[in-house]
């Protein structure tokens, strides 16, 4: 059974910045883990790269998308303030709407892939 998934990337003009599945995943992981470092590690991304992406999205939306709390008795942490939550919610809504609107076409494309996919050789499983 073929799995067909639609990926959405939203490009913002004239800034040239974008919001896509990677940034959405990073924001979700930051929200769930309470840590940029832990979110980046789960994505096999350096902390520096994650931080640069966060700075870029904050510049794009001219506001705080990810908020870090200083350490202390509760240990600090990172969270999404209202702007970050809204951006993530809207991105996921766009994704769901696009997926629903294109369901029939995606199914047709997946069927064509199934029909035209090269047959895999059965055998020892070595590299071809």
C-alpha atoms as a PDB file:
ATOM      1  CA  UNK A   1       0.000   0.000   0.000  1.00  0.00           C
ATOM      2  CA  UNK A   2       1.466   3.326  -1.029  1.00  0.00           C
ATOM      3  CA  UNK A   3       1.541   6.092   1.501  1.00  0.00           C
ATOM      4  CA  UNK A   4       1.127   9.496  -0.059  1.00  0.00           C
ATOM      5  CA  UNK A   5       1.730  12.561   2.036  1.00  0.00           C
ATOM      6  CA  UNK A   6       1.480  16.194   1.090  1.00  0.00           C
ATOM      7  CA  UNK A   7       4.164  18.581   2.356  1.00  0.00           C
ATOM      8  CA  UNK A   8       3.403  22.272   2.490  1.00  0.00           C
ATOM      9  CA  UNK A   9       5.981  25.031   2.392  1.00  0.00           C
ATOM     10  CA  UNK A  10       4.733  28.589   2.685  1.00  0.00           C
ATOM     11  CA  UNK A  11       7.058  31.199   1.190  1.00  0.00           C
ATOM     12  CA  UNK A  12       6.728  34.759   2.467  1.00  0.00           C
ATOM     13  CA  UNK A  13       7.479  37.529   0.013  1.00  0.00           C
ATOM     14  CA  UNK A  14       9.382  39.806  -0.158  1.00  0.00           C
ATOM     15  CA  UNK A  15      11.400  38.540   2.831  1.00  0.00           C
ATOM     16  CA  UNK A  16      12.243  35.239   1.166  1.00  0.00           C
ATOM     17  CA  UNK A  17      11.660  33.343   4.397  1.00  0.00           C
ATOM     18  CA  UNK A  18       9.543  30.217   4.580  1.00  0.00           C
ATOM     19  CA  UNK A  19       7.514  28.075   6.947  1.00  0.00           C
ATOM     20  CA  UNK A  20       7.529  24.364   6.214  1.00  0.00           C
ATOM     21  CA  UNK A  21       7.264  20.917   7.762  1.00  0.00           C
ATOM     22  CA  UNK A  22      10.694  21.071   9.393  1.00  0.00           C
ATOM     23  CA  UNK A  23       9.992  24.321  11.229  1.00  0.00           C
ATOM     24  CA  UNK A  24       6.547  23.080  12.259  1.00  0.00           C
ATOM     25  CA  UNK A  25       8.104  19.903  13.666  1.00  0.00           C
ATOM     26  CA  UNK A  26      10.757  21.922  15.493  1.00  0.00           C
ATOM     27  CA  UNK A  27       8.089  24.143  17.083  1.00  0.00           C
ATOM     28  CA  UNK A  28       6.000  21.112  18.097  1.00  0.00           C
ATOM     29  CA  UNK A  29       8.994  19.404  19.664  1.00  0.00           C
ATOM     30  CA  UNK A  30      10.003  22.557  21.534  1.00  0.00           C
ATOM     31  CA  UNK A  31       6.454  22.810  22.882  1.00  0.00           C
ATOM     32  CA  UNK A  32       6.341  19.159  23.953  1.00  0.00           C
ATOM     33  CA  UNK A  33       9.886  18.839  25.301  1.00  0.00           C
ATOM     34  CA  UNK A  34      10.293  22.320  26.754  1.00  0.00           C
ATOM     35  CA  UNK A  35      13.785  22.494  25.296  1.00  0.00           C
ATOM     36  CA  UNK A  36      15.364  23.720  22.074  1.00  0.00           C
ATOM     37  CA  UNK A  37      18.322  21.384  22.631  1.00  0.00           C
ATOM     38  CA  UNK A  38      16.117  18.296  23.089  1.00  0.00           C
ATOM     39  CA  UNK A  39      13.958  19.224  20.089  1.00  0.00           C
ATOM     40  CA  UNK A  40      17.030  19.728  17.895  1.00  0.00           C
ATOM     41  CA  UNK A  41      18.559  16.446  19.053  1.00  0.00           C
ATOM     42  CA  UNK A  42      15.390  14.520  18.195  1.00  0.00           C
ATOM     43  CA  UNK A  43      15.548  16.002  14.688  1.00  0.00           C
ATOM     44  CA  UNK A  44      19.285  15.205  14.363  1.00  0.00           C
ATOM     45  CA  UNK A  45      19.920  18.939  14.112  1.00  0.00           C
ATOM     46  CA  UNK A  46      22.525  21.011  15.882  1.00  0.00           C
ATOM     47  CA  UNK A  47      21.393  23.396  18.588  1.00  0.00           C
ATOM     48  CA  UNK A  48      22.944  26.232  16.570  1.00  0.00           C
ATOM     49  CA  UNK A  49      20.927  25.394  13.456  1.00  0.00           C
ATOM     50  CA  UNK A  50      17.723  25.169  15.512  1.00  0.00           C
ATOM     51  CA  UNK A  51      18.457  28.518  17.138  1.00  0.00           C
ATOM     52  CA  UNK A  52      19.171  30.155  13.754  1.00  0.00           C
ATOM     53  CA  UNK A  53      15.854  28.825  12.397  1.00  0.00           C
ATOM     54  CA  UNK A  54      14.033  30.191  15.435  1.00  0.00           C
ATOM     55  CA  UNK A  55      15.670  33.589  14.987  1.00  0.00           C
ATOM     56  CA  UNK A  56      14.649  33.591  11.317  1.00  0.00           C
ATOM     57  CA  UNK A  57      10.998  32.818  12.044  1.00  0.00           C
ATOM     58  CA  UNK A  58      10.913  35.421  14.814  1.00  0.00           C
ATOM     59  CA  UNK A  59      12.260  37.988  12.359  1.00  0.00           C
ATOM     60  CA  UNK A  60       9.690  36.933   9.748  1.00  0.00           C
ATOM     61  CA  UNK A  61       6.781  37.336  12.165  1.00  0.00           C
ATOM     62  CA  UNK A  62       8.346  40.263  14.024  1.00  0.00           C
ATOM     63  CA  UNK A  63       7.701  38.751  17.421  1.00  0.00           C
ATOM     64  CA  UNK A  64       8.611  36.115  19.968  1.00  0.00           C
ATOM     65  CA  UNK A  65       7.745  32.669  18.598  1.00  0.00           C
ATOM     66  CA  UNK A  66       9.848  30.698  21.098  1.00  0.00           C
ATOM     67  CA  UNK A  67      10.356  31.923  24.638  1.00  0.00           C
ATOM     68  CA  UNK A  68      13.110  30.738  26.966  1.00  0.00           C
ATOM     69  CA  UNK A  69      12.751  30.951  30.727  1.00  0.00           C
ATOM     70  CA  UNK A  70      15.847  31.328  32.885  1.00  0.00           C
ATOM     71  CA  UNK A  71      16.831  28.430  35.117  1.00  0.00           C
ATOM     72  CA  UNK A  72      16.018  28.372  38.789  1.00  0.00           C
ATOM     73  CA  UNK A  73      13.943  26.236  41.106  1.00  0.00           C
ATOM     74  CA  UNK A  74      11.859  24.970  38.172  1.00  0.00           C
ATOM     75  CA  UNK A  75      14.918  24.498  35.933  1.00  0.00           C
ATOM     76  CA  UNK A  76      13.947  26.976  33.246  1.00  0.00           C
ATOM     77  CA  UNK A  77      12.897  25.709  29.862  1.00  0.00           C
ATOM     78  CA  UNK A  78      11.463  26.833  26.576  1.00  0.00           C
ATOM     79  CA  UNK A  79       7.883  27.241  25.443  1.00  0.00           C
ATOM     80  CA  UNK A  80       5.793  28.668  22.645  1.00  0.00           C
ATOM     81  CA  UNK A  81       4.061  31.909  23.586  1.00  0.00           C
ATOM     82  CA  UNK A  82       0.735  32.852  21.969  1.00  0.00           C
ATOM     83  CA  UNK A  83       2.379  33.901  18.667  1.00  0.00           C
ATOM     84  CA  UNK A  84       4.239  30.593  18.352  1.00  0.00           C
ATOM     85  CA  UNK A  85       1.089  28.601  19.147  1.00  0.00           C
ATOM     86  CA  UNK A  86      -0.898  30.571  16.575  1.00  0.00           C
ATOM     87  CA  UNK A  87       1.703  30.146  13.827  1.00  0.00           C
ATOM     88  CA  UNK A  88       1.890  26.403  14.441  1.00  0.00           C
ATOM     89  CA  UNK A  89      -1.914  26.070  14.606  1.00  0.00           C
ATOM     90  CA  UNK A  90      -2.390  28.010  11.351  1.00  0.00           C
ATOM     91  CA  UNK A  91       0.318  26.041   9.556  1.00  0.00           C
ATOM     92  CA  UNK A  92      -1.274  22.719  10.579  1.00  0.00           C
ATOM     93  CA  UNK A  93      -4.706  24.030   9.509  1.00  0.00           C
ATOM     94  CA  UNK A  94      -3.355  24.951   6.056  1.00  0.00           C
ATOM     95  CA  UNK A  95      -1.806  21.475   5.821  1.00  0.00           C
ATOM     96  CA  UNK A  96      -5.087  19.752   6.704  1.00  0.00           C
ATOM     97  CA  UNK A  97      -7.105  21.877   4.278  1.00  0.00           C
ATOM     98  CA  UNK A  98      -4.657  21.233   1.431  1.00  0.00           C
ATOM     99  CA  UNK A  99      -4.608  17.499   2.196  1.00  0.00           C
ATOM    100  CA  UNK A 100      -8.414  17.341   2.196  1.00  0.00           C
ATOM    101  CA  UNK A 101      -8.744  19.427  -0.974  1.00  0.00           C
ATOM    102  CA  UNK A 102      -6.272  17.273  -2.890  1.00  0.00           C
ATOM    103  CA  UNK A 103      -7.213  13.825  -1.531  1.00  0.00           C
ATOM    104  CA  UNK A 104      -8.575  12.453  -4.839  1.00  0.00           C
ATOM    105  CA  UNK A 105      -5.641  13.733  -6.885  1.00  0.00           C
ATOM    106  CA  UNK A 106      -3.119  12.385  -4.361  1.00  0.00           C
ATOM    107  CA  UNK A 107      -4.820   8.977  -4.483  1.00  0.00           C
ATOM    108  CA  UNK A 108      -4.622   8.995  -8.285  1.00  0.00           C
ATOM    109  CA  UNK A 109      -0.928   9.926  -8.184  1.00  0.00           C
ATOM    110  CA  UNK A 110      -0.259   7.157  -5.662  1.00  0.00           C
ATOM    111  CA  UNK A 111      -2.039   4.654  -7.915  1.00  0.00           C
ATOM    112  CA  UNK A 112       0.093   5.717 -10.887  1.00  0.00           C
ATOM    113  CA  UNK A 113       3.232   5.259  -8.792  1.00  0.00           C
ATOM    114  CA  UNK A 114       2.064   1.734  -7.886  1.00  0.00           C
ATOM    115  CA  UNK A 115       1.382   0.828 -11.515  1.00  0.00           C
ATOM    116  CA  UNK A 116       4.603   2.299 -12.905  1.00  0.00           C
ATOM    117  CA  UNK A 117       6.995   1.489 -10.058  1.00  0.00           C
ATOM    118  CA  UNK A 118       9.907  -0.712 -11.107  1.00  0.00           C
ATOM    119  CA  UNK A 119       9.588  -4.252  -9.821  1.00  0.00           C
ATOM    120  CA  UNK A 120      12.036  -5.065  -7.063  1.00  0.00           C
ATOM    121  CA  UNK A 121      14.032  -8.193  -7.614  1.00  0.00           C
ATOM    122  CA  UNK A 122      13.521 -11.005  -5.187  1.00  0.00           C
ATOM    123  CA  UNK A 123      16.632 -12.757  -4.065  1.00  0.00           C
ATOM    124  CA  UNK A 124      19.536 -12.213  -1.760  1.00  0.00           C
ATOM    125  CA  UNK A 125      18.689  -8.616  -0.971  1.00  0.00           C
ATOM    126  CA  UNK A 126      22.104  -7.275  -1.857  1.00  0.00           C
ATOM    127  CA  UNK A 127      22.689  -3.899  -3.411  1.00  0.00           C
ATOM    128  CA  UNK A 128      21.970  -3.582  -7.102  1.00  0.00           C
END
